C-alpha atoms as a PDB file:
ATOM      1  CA  MET A   1     -63.313 -35.112  -3.041  1.00  0.00           C
ATOM      2  CA  SER A   2     -62.489 -36.775   0.282  1.00  0.00           C
ATOM      3  CA  GLU A   3     -59.504 -35.847   2.445  1.00  0.00           C
ATOM      4  CA  GLN A   4     -57.969 -39.253   1.772  1.00  0.00           C
ATOM      5  CA  ALA A   5     -58.185 -38.640  -1.965  1.00  0.00           C
ATOM      6  CA  VAL A   6     -56.455 -35.292  -1.575  1.00  0.00           C
ATOM      7  CA  LEU A   7     -53.419 -37.090  -0.138  1.00  0.00           C
ATOM      8  CA  ILE A   8     -52.879 -38.874  -3.452  1.00  0.00           C
ATOM      9  CA  PRO A   9     -50.834 -36.474  -5.700  1.00  0.00           C
ATOM     10  CA  ASN A  10     -52.353 -37.739  -8.941  1.00  0.00           C
ATOM     11  CA  THR A  11     -55.811 -36.739  -7.773  1.00  0.00           C
ATOM     12  CA  LEU A  12     -54.942 -33.093  -7.143  1.00  0.00           C
ATOM     13  CA  PRO A  13     -56.843 -30.671  -9.346  1.00  0.00           C
ATOM     14  CA  PRO A  14     -54.766 -28.311 -11.515  1.00  0.00           C
ATOM     15  CA  SER A  15     -53.296 -25.364  -9.674  1.00  0.00           C
ATOM     16  CA  PRO A  16     -54.866 -21.997 -10.525  1.00  0.00           C
ATOM     17  CA  TYR A  17     -51.349 -20.544 -10.438  1.00  0.00           C
ATOM     18  CA  GLU A  18     -49.629 -22.887 -12.899  1.00  0.00           C
ATOM     19  CA  THR A  19     -50.123 -20.440 -15.755  1.00  0.00           C
ATOM     20  CA  ALA A  20     -48.321 -17.770 -13.700  1.00  0.00           C
ATOM     21  CA  LEU A  21     -45.062 -19.742 -13.621  1.00  0.00           C
ATOM     22  CA  LEU A  22     -42.256 -17.992 -15.450  1.00  0.00           C
ATOM     23  CA  PRO A  23     -40.962 -19.695 -18.624  1.00  0.00           C
ATOM     24  CA  TRP A  24     -37.744 -20.866 -16.989  1.00  0.00           C
ATOM     25  CA  GLU A  25     -39.320 -22.083 -13.769  1.00  0.00           C
ATOM     26  CA  ASP A  26     -39.577 -25.798 -13.016  1.00  0.00           C
ATOM     27  CA  ALA A  27     -43.249 -26.807 -13.169  1.00  0.00           C
ATOM     28  CA  GLU A  28     -42.388 -30.206 -11.703  1.00  0.00           C
ATOM     29  CA  ALA A  29     -40.717 -28.599  -8.681  1.00  0.00           C
ATOM     30  CA  PHE A  30     -43.742 -26.368  -8.205  1.00  0.00           C
ATOM     31  CA  GLY A  31     -46.006 -29.402  -8.378  1.00  0.00           C
ATOM     32  CA  GLN A  32     -43.891 -31.226  -5.801  1.00  0.00           C
ATOM     33  CA  LEU A  33     -44.054 -28.244  -3.431  1.00  0.00           C
ATOM     34  CA  ARG A  34     -47.820 -28.102  -3.869  1.00  0.00           C
ATOM     35  CA  GLU A  35     -48.207 -31.815  -3.160  1.00  0.00           C
ATOM     36  CA  GLU A  36     -46.187 -31.474   0.053  1.00  0.00           C
ATOM     37  CA  TYR A  37     -48.518 -28.726   1.286  1.00  0.00           C
ATOM     38  CA  PHE A  38     -51.654 -30.688   0.385  1.00  0.00           C
ATOM     39  CA  ILE A  39     -50.304 -33.713   2.268  1.00  0.00           C
ATOM     40  CA  ALA A  40     -49.373 -31.636   5.303  1.00  0.00           C
ATOM     41  CA  TYR A  41     -52.641 -29.628   5.328  1.00  0.00           C
ATOM     42  CA  PRO A  42     -55.369 -31.671   3.588  1.00  0.00           C
ATOM     43  CA  PRO A  43     -58.197 -29.187   2.943  1.00  0.00           C
ATOM     44  CA  GLY A  44     -61.615 -30.096   4.182  1.00  0.00           C
ATOM     45  CA  CYS A  45     -63.589 -27.556   2.166  1.00  0.00           C
ATOM     46  CA  PRO A  46     -63.286 -25.298  -0.916  1.00  0.00           C
ATOM     47  CA  ALA A  47     -62.387 -22.287   1.261  1.00  0.00           C
ATOM     48  CA  ALA A  48     -59.497 -24.172   2.891  1.00  0.00           C
ATOM     49  CA  ARG A  49     -58.311 -25.338  -0.524  1.00  0.00           C
ATOM     50  CA  HIS A  50     -58.321 -21.746  -1.757  1.00  0.00           C
ATOM     51  CA  VAL A  51     -56.227 -20.612   1.225  1.00  0.00           C
ATOM     52  CA  LEU A  52     -53.870 -23.547   0.678  1.00  0.00           C
ATOM     53  CA  GLU A  53     -53.340 -22.657  -2.981  1.00  0.00           C
ATOM     54  CA  GLN A  54     -52.528 -19.076  -1.956  1.00  0.00           C
ATOM     55  CA  LEU A  55     -50.079 -20.359   0.664  1.00  0.00           C
ATOM     56  CA  VAL A  56     -48.259 -22.526  -1.883  1.00  0.00           C
ATOM     57  CA  TRP A  57     -48.023 -19.627  -4.329  1.00  0.00           C
ATOM     58  CA  CYS A  58     -46.756 -17.267  -1.623  1.00  0.00           C
ATOM     59  CA  ASP A  59     -44.046 -19.771  -0.670  1.00  0.00           C
ATOM     60  CA  TRP A  60     -43.039 -20.159  -4.327  1.00  0.00           C
ATOM     61  CA  ARG A  61     -42.727 -16.391  -4.757  1.00  0.00           C
ATOM     62  CA  ARG A  62     -40.588 -16.141  -1.623  1.00  0.00           C
ATOM     63  CA  ARG A  63     -38.250 -18.712  -3.168  1.00  0.00           C
ATOM     64  CA  ARG A  64     -38.041 -16.556  -6.281  1.00  0.00           C
ATOM     65  CA  LEU A  65     -36.561 -13.785  -4.189  1.00  0.00           C
ATOM     66  CA  VAL A  66     -33.525 -15.950  -3.423  1.00  0.00           C
ATOM     67  CA  LEU A  67     -32.832 -16.127  -7.153  1.00  0.00           C
ATOM     68  CA  GLY A  68     -33.604 -12.424  -7.465  1.00  0.00           C
ATOM     69  CA  GLU A  69     -31.073 -11.496  -4.801  1.00  0.00           C
ATOM     70  CA  ARG A  70     -28.347 -13.492  -6.523  1.00  0.00           C
ATOM     71  CA  ALA A  71     -29.283 -11.931  -9.864  1.00  0.00           C
ATOM     72  CA  LEU A  72     -28.931  -8.452  -8.367  1.00  0.00           C
ATOM     73  CA  HIS A  73     -25.442  -9.244  -7.117  1.00  0.00           C
ATOM     74  CA  MET A  74     -24.357 -10.742 -10.434  1.00  0.00           C
ATOM     75  CA  ALA A  75     -25.769  -7.839 -12.464  1.00  0.00           C
ATOM     76  CA  SER A  76     -24.014  -5.354 -10.216  1.00  0.00           C
ATOM     77  CA  LEU A  77     -20.738  -7.264 -10.510  1.00  0.00           C
ATOM     78  CA  ASP A  78     -21.038  -7.240 -14.285  1.00  0.00           C
ATOM     79  CA  ASN A  79     -21.733  -3.497 -14.331  1.00  0.00           C
ATOM     80  CA  ARG A  80     -18.932  -2.559 -11.948  1.00  0.00           C
ATOM     81  CA  THR A  81     -16.087  -4.851 -12.999  1.00  0.00           C
ATOM     82  CA  SER A  82     -13.868  -4.511 -16.025  1.00  0.00           C
ATOM     83  CA  GLY A  83     -11.238  -6.549 -17.831  1.00  0.00           C
ATOM     84  CA  GLU A  84      -9.090  -3.441 -18.192  1.00  0.00           C
ATOM     85  CA  CYS A  85      -5.913  -3.574 -16.146  1.00  0.00           C
ATOM     86  CA  ARG A  86      -5.971  -1.261 -13.102  1.00  0.00           C
ATOM     87  CA  ASP A  87      -9.619  -0.403 -13.729  1.00  0.00           C
ATOM     88  CA  SER A  88     -11.540   1.924 -11.431  1.00  0.00           C
ATOM     89  CA  LEU A  89     -12.753  -0.793  -9.048  1.00  0.00           C
ATOM     90  CA  SER A  90      -9.231  -2.155  -8.622  1.00  0.00           C
ATOM     91  CA  ARG A  91      -7.937   1.343  -7.954  1.00  0.00           C
ATOM     92  CA  ARG A  92     -10.610   1.896  -5.299  1.00  0.00           C
ATOM     93  CA  ALA A  93      -9.725  -1.399  -3.640  1.00  0.00           C
ATOM     94  CA  LEU A  94      -6.030  -0.498  -3.517  1.00  0.00           C
ATOM     95  CA  ALA A  95      -6.377   3.224  -2.870  1.00  0.00           C
ATOM     96  CA  VAL A  96      -4.419   3.126   0.394  1.00  0.00           C
ATOM     97  CA  SER A  97      -1.790   0.597  -0.690  1.00  0.00           C
ATOM     98  CA  GLY A  98       1.625   1.744  -1.831  1.00  0.00           C
ATOM     99  CA  GLY A  99       4.493   0.112  -3.621  1.00  0.00           C
ATOM    100  CA  THR A 100       4.386  -1.427  -7.075  1.00  0.00           C
ATOM    101  CA  ARG A 101       1.280  -0.728  -9.132  1.00  0.00           C
ATOM    102  CA  PRO A 102      -0.294  -4.165  -9.505  1.00  0.00           C
ATOM    103  CA  GLU A 103      -1.128  -5.739 -12.840  1.00  0.00           C
ATOM    104  CA  ILE A 104      -4.718  -6.735 -12.154  1.00  0.00           C
ATOM    105  CA  SER A 105      -8.266  -6.190 -13.353  1.00  0.00           C
ATOM    106  CA  SER A 106     -11.404  -6.544 -11.271  1.00  0.00           C
ATOM    107  CA  ALA A 107     -12.967  -8.943 -13.795  1.00  0.00           C
ATOM    108  CA  GLY A 108      -9.900 -11.160 -13.578  1.00  0.00           C
ATOM    109  CA  ALA A 109      -9.840 -11.009  -9.785  1.00  0.00           C
ATOM    110  CA  ILE A 110     -13.403 -12.249  -9.280  1.00  0.00           C
ATOM    111  CA  LYS A 111     -12.728 -15.296 -11.463  1.00  0.00           C
ATOM    112  CA  ASN A 112     -10.029 -16.523  -9.085  1.00  0.00           C
ATOM    113  CA  GLU A 113      -9.951 -17.790  -5.526  1.00  0.00           C
ATOM    114  CA  ASP A 114      -7.414 -17.073  -2.800  1.00  0.00           C
ATOM    115  CA  GLU A 115      -5.636 -20.371  -3.510  1.00  0.00           C
ATOM    116  CA  ASP A 116      -5.272 -19.447  -7.193  1.00  0.00           C
ATOM    117  CA  ASP A 117      -3.758 -16.088  -6.304  1.00  0.00           C
ATOM    118  CA  ALA A 118      -1.362 -17.657  -3.798  1.00  0.00           C
ATOM    119  CA  GLU A 119      -0.151 -20.132  -6.423  1.00  0.00           C
ATOM    120  CA  THR A 120       0.254 -17.391  -9.039  1.00  0.00           C
ATOM    121  CA  GLU A 121       2.051 -15.121  -6.574  1.00  0.00           C
ATOM    122  CA  GLN A 122       4.487 -17.929  -5.762  1.00  0.00           C
ATOM    123  CA  MET A 123       5.191 -18.421  -9.458  1.00  0.00           C
ATOM    124  CA  TRP A 124       5.929 -14.726 -10.027  1.00  0.00           C
ATOM    125  CA  ALA A 125       8.009 -14.577  -6.840  1.00  0.00           C
ATOM    126  CA  GLY A 126      10.236 -17.333  -8.228  1.00  0.00           C
ATOM    127  CA  MET A 127      10.642 -15.479 -11.509  1.00  0.00           C
ATOM    128  CA  VAL A 128      11.495 -12.247  -9.682  1.00  0.00           C
ATOM    129  CA  GLU A 129      14.118 -14.110  -7.672  1.00  0.00           C
ATOM    130  CA  GLN A 130      15.695 -15.578 -10.811  1.00  0.00           C
ATOM    131  CA  ALA A 131      15.815 -12.192 -12.512  1.00  0.00           C
ATOM    132  CA  GLU A 132      17.292 -10.530  -9.417  1.00  0.00           C
ATOM    133  CA  THR A 133      19.951 -13.234  -9.206  1.00  0.00           C
ATOM    134  CA  ALA A 134      20.871 -12.603 -12.835  1.00  0.00           C
ATOM    135  CA  GLU A 135      20.966  -8.860 -12.161  1.00  0.00           C
ATOM    136  CA  SER A 136      23.318  -9.357  -9.205  1.00  0.00           C
ATOM    137  CA  LEU A 137      25.676 -11.449 -11.304  1.00  0.00           C
ATOM    138  CA  LEU A 138      25.774  -8.779 -13.994  1.00  0.00           C
ATOM    139  CA  GLU A 139      26.364  -5.992 -11.455  1.00  0.00           C
ATOM    140  CA  ALA A 140      29.266  -7.936  -9.953  1.00  0.00           C
ATOM    141  CA  ASP A 141      30.839  -7.939 -13.428  1.00  0.00           C
ATOM    142  CA  GLY A 142      32.750 -11.149 -12.836  1.00  0.00           C
ATOM    143  CA  ALA A 143      34.218 -13.461 -15.417  1.00  0.00           C
ATOM    144  CA  ASP A 144      31.581 -14.944 -17.720  1.00  0.00           C
ATOM    145  CA  CYS A 145      28.920 -12.924 -15.873  1.00  0.00           C
ATOM    146  CA  PHE A 146      26.790 -12.607 -19.025  1.00  0.00           C
ATOM    147  CA  ALA A 147      26.664 -16.366 -19.604  1.00  0.00           C
ATOM    148  CA  GLN A 148      26.006 -17.065 -15.930  1.00  0.00           C
ATOM    149  CA  ALA A 149      23.251 -14.453 -15.716  1.00  0.00           C
ATOM    150  CA  PHE A 150      21.637 -15.588 -18.949  1.00  0.00           C
ATOM    151  CA  ALA A 151      21.573 -19.170 -17.636  1.00  0.00           C
ATOM    152  CA  CYS A 152      19.742 -17.981 -14.497  1.00  0.00           C
ATOM    153  CA  LEU A 153      16.817 -16.552 -16.424  1.00  0.00           C
ATOM    154  CA  PRO A 154      13.512 -18.405 -16.916  1.00  0.00           C
ATOM    155  CA  GLU A 155      13.378 -19.956 -20.384  1.00  0.00           C
ATOM    156  CA  GLU A 156      10.646 -17.597 -21.586  1.00  0.00           C
ATOM    157  CA  THR A 157      12.596 -14.554 -20.343  1.00  0.00           C
ATOM    158  CA  ALA A 158      15.759 -15.670 -22.118  1.00  0.00           C
ATOM    159  CA  GLU A 159      13.796 -16.050 -25.357  1.00  0.00           C
ATOM    160  CA  TRP A 160      12.218 -12.645 -24.785  1.00  0.00           C
ATOM    161  CA  PHE A 161      15.673 -11.064 -24.484  1.00  0.00           C
ATOM    162  CA  LEU A 162      16.996 -12.749 -27.648  1.00  0.00           C
ATOM    163  CA  GLU A 163      13.939 -11.673 -29.653  1.00  0.00           C
ATOM    164  CA  THR A 164      14.305  -8.112 -28.364  1.00  0.00           C
ATOM    165  CA  CYS A 165      17.956  -8.049 -29.425  1.00  0.00           C
ATOM    166  CA  GLU A 166      16.854  -8.986 -32.940  1.00  0.00           C
ATOM    167  CA  THR A 167      14.156  -6.334 -33.188  1.00  0.00           C
ATOM    168  CA  GLU A 168      15.611  -3.383 -31.258  1.00  0.00           C
ATOM    169  CA  GLU A 169      19.003  -1.890 -32.048  1.00  0.00           C
ATOM    170  CA  LYS A 170      19.534  -0.600 -28.496  1.00  0.00           C
ATOM    171  CA  TYR A 171      19.920  -4.157 -27.189  1.00  0.00           C
ATOM    172  CA  ASN A 172      22.799  -6.520 -27.894  1.00  0.00           C
ATOM    173  CA  GLN A 173      23.763  -9.882 -26.457  1.00  0.00           C
ATOM    174  CA  ASP A 174      26.175  -8.459 -23.906  1.00  0.00           C
ATOM    175  CA  ARG A 175      26.399  -7.615 -20.215  1.00  0.00           C
ATOM    176  CA  GLU A 176      25.260  -3.986 -20.454  1.00  0.00           C
ATOM    177  CA  SER A 177      22.233  -4.765 -22.628  1.00  0.00           C
ATOM    178  CA  LEU A 178      21.054  -7.647 -20.473  1.00  0.00           C
ATOM    179  CA  LEU A 179      21.469  -5.591 -17.307  1.00  0.00           C
ATOM    180  CA  ARG A 180      19.468  -2.745 -18.827  1.00  0.00           C
ATOM    181  CA  PHE A 181      16.837  -5.171 -20.154  1.00  0.00           C
ATOM    182  CA  LEU A 182      16.369  -6.702 -16.711  1.00  0.00           C
ATOM    183  CA  SER A 183      16.140  -3.324 -15.031  1.00  0.00           C
ATOM    184  CA  ILE A 184      13.803  -1.648 -17.514  1.00  0.00           C
ATOM    185  CA  GLU A 185      11.706  -4.457 -18.957  1.00  0.00           C
ATOM    186  CA  VAL A 186      11.819  -7.666 -16.958  1.00  0.00           C
ATOM    187  CA  LEU A 187      11.828  -6.842 -13.246  1.00  0.00           C
ATOM    188  CA  PRO A 188       9.100  -4.154 -13.401  1.00  0.00           C
ATOM    189  CA  PHE A 189       6.952  -6.545 -15.427  1.00  0.00           C
ATOM    190  CA  PHE A 190       7.461  -9.441 -13.015  1.00  0.00           C
ATOM    191  CA  ARG A 191       6.906  -7.297  -9.917  1.00  0.00           C
ATOM    192  CA  LYS A 192       3.688  -5.794 -11.245  1.00  0.00           C
ATOM    193  CA  HIS A 193       2.252  -9.238 -11.956  1.00  0.00           C
ATOM    194  CA  ARG A 194       3.369 -10.527  -8.560  1.00  0.00           C
ATOM    195  CA  ALA A 195       1.713  -7.529  -6.904  1.00  0.00           C
ATOM    196  CA  GLY A 196      -1.411  -8.230  -8.959  1.00  0.00           C
ATOM    197  CA  ALA A 197      -1.647 -11.753  -7.573  1.00  0.00           C
ATOM    198  CA  GLN A 198      -1.099 -10.430  -4.045  1.00  0.00           C
ATOM    199  CA  ALA A 199      -3.873  -7.864  -4.554  1.00  0.00           C
ATOM    200  CA  GLY A 200      -6.401 -10.423  -5.816  1.00  0.00           C
ATOM    201  CA  PRO A 201      -8.160 -11.079  -2.464  1.00  0.00           C
ATOM    202  CA  THR A 202      -8.429  -7.340  -1.735  1.00  0.00           C
ATOM    203  CA  VAL A 203      -9.923  -6.568  -5.144  1.00  0.00           C
ATOM    204  CA  ARG A 204     -12.375  -9.457  -4.812  1.00  0.00           C
ATOM    205  CA  LEU A 205     -13.622  -8.171  -1.462  1.00  0.00           C
ATOM    206  CA  GLN A 206     -14.124  -4.736  -2.988  1.00  0.00           C
ATOM    207  CA  ALA A 207     -16.066  -6.203  -5.912  1.00  0.00           C
ATOM    208  CA  TRP A 208     -18.287  -8.306  -3.670  1.00  0.00           C
ATOM    209  CA  GLY A 209     -18.945  -5.337  -1.413  1.00  0.00           C
ATOM    210  CA  GLU A 210     -19.876  -3.066  -4.294  1.00  0.00           C
ATOM    211  CA  SER A 211     -22.234  -5.718  -5.674  1.00  0.00           C
ATOM    212  CA  LEU A 212     -24.497  -4.997  -2.693  1.00  0.00           C
ATOM    213  CA  ASP A 213     -26.644  -2.308  -4.274  1.00  0.00           C
ATOM    214  CA  PRO A 214     -28.484  -0.934  -1.199  1.00  0.00           C
ATOM    215  CA  HIS A 215     -31.267   0.791  -3.143  1.00  0.00           C
ATOM    216  CA  ARG A 216     -32.281  -2.208  -5.232  1.00  0.00           C
ATOM    217  CA  MET A 217     -31.749  -4.580  -2.312  1.00  0.00           C
ATOM    218  CA  ASP A 218     -34.045  -2.472  -0.148  1.00  0.00           C
ATOM    219  CA  ARG A 219     -36.900  -2.930  -2.619  1.00  0.00           C
ATOM    220  CA  LEU A 220     -36.243  -6.651  -2.716  1.00  0.00           C
ATOM    221  CA  MET A 221     -36.248  -6.903   1.071  1.00  0.00           C
ATOM    222  CA  GLN A 222     -39.498  -4.928   1.286  1.00  0.00           C
ATOM    223  CA  LEU A 223     -41.123  -7.430  -1.056  1.00  0.00           C
ATOM    224  CA  ASP A 224     -39.725 -10.291   1.002  1.00  0.00           C
ATOM    225  CA  GLU A 225     -41.156  -8.747   4.157  1.00  0.00           C
ATOM    226  CA  ARG A 226     -44.610  -8.351   2.579  1.00  0.00           C
ATOM    227  CA  LEU A 227     -44.604 -11.932   1.306  1.00  0.00           C
ATOM    228  CA  THR A 228     -43.478 -13.224   4.687  1.00  0.00           C
ATOM    229  CA  ARG A 229     -46.331 -11.430   6.446  1.00  0.00           C
ATOM    230  CA  GLN A 230     -48.785 -12.755   3.873  1.00  0.00           C
ATOM    231  CA  TYR A 231     -47.398 -16.277   4.253  1.00  0.00           C
ATOM    232  CA  GLU A 232     -47.677 -16.180   8.038  1.00  0.00           C
ATOM    233  CA  LYS A 233     -51.241 -14.865   7.817  1.00  0.00           C
ATOM    234  CA  LEU A 234     -52.310 -17.587   5.384  1.00  0.00           C
ATOM    235  CA  LEU A 235     -50.578 -20.281   7.397  1.00  0.00           C
ATOM    236  CA  GLY A 236     -52.329 -19.092  10.550  1.00  0.00           C
ATOM    237  CA  MET A 237     -55.708 -19.188   8.796  1.00  0.00           C
ATOM    238  CA  LEU A 238     -55.044 -22.697   7.532  1.00  0.00           C
ATOM    239  CA  GLU A 239     -53.855 -24.012  10.886  1.00  0.00           C
ATOM    240  CA  ARG A 240     -56.903 -22.575  12.657  1.00  0.00           C
ATOM    241  CA  ALA A 241     -59.232 -24.115  10.083  1.00  0.00           C
ATOM    242  CA  THR A 242     -57.478 -27.467  10.462  1.00  0.00           C
ATOM    243  CA  ALA A 243     -57.755 -27.272  14.256  1.00  0.00           C
ATOM    244  CA  ARG A 244     -61.484 -26.498  14.056  1.00  0.00           C
ATOM    245  CA  ARG A 245     -62.057 -29.435  11.739  1.00  0.00           C
ATOM    246  CA  LEU A 246     -60.174 -31.788  14.061  1.00  0.00           C
ATOM    247  CA  ARG A 247     -62.169 -30.587  17.088  1.00  0.00           C
ATOM    248  CA  ALA A 248     -65.392 -31.105  15.176  1.00  0.00           C
ATOM    249  CA  ALA A 249     -64.359 -34.612  14.208  1.00  0.00           C
ATOM    250  CA  VAL A 250     -63.635 -35.485  17.843  1.00  0.00           C
ATOM    251  CA  LYS A 251     -67.067 -34.304  18.924  1.00  0.00           C
END
């Protein structure tokens, strides 16, 4: 086969490595990569073609490692995170923080972004403010304080209070019950969820950091280093062979 013929993709012989592709790998993408190498380094003899095929396969395996590194991170995230509120990863992330215990799970945190947490925190902050306003009105014990405080509550919170009055005898639709309900049930609940949204970025950083498994990553990097050395060696052999062929053609 002439060098000119090699430049035409349809004339390329089958790759000896095609059968080594993994079931989910894109054979068309592999073929395109191979064509690019054959165009850039048209082999002038069987030995050069053999080196070129090895070079293509080495490059393809190096690209696999990119996917492998991501897979390691994702597997580690899955193993270390949990949907349970205040799970072990979240506790590690917030070990030195004080204040309200946040309502957050590591699995929930990694699904969000900082903008999502900021929006959620703003929502809970508004609900805390409404509940605190209602609490202040009840503590002042002014005329119609119950009606005024009840009107200050978010709609869902007002419904929550009415349903609780129906199901629990200790609560009635009066000033004392609403004040106790806000103090015991509502405000702690709101503050924990607000703190959870505030803690989201910190928990995410902890999860991402723990996904870096140094032992498994070290093995991956060693393989990458070996493949890189092999690639550079093969490329050097091919470039020297190409240079010799060009010099011979000039003579």
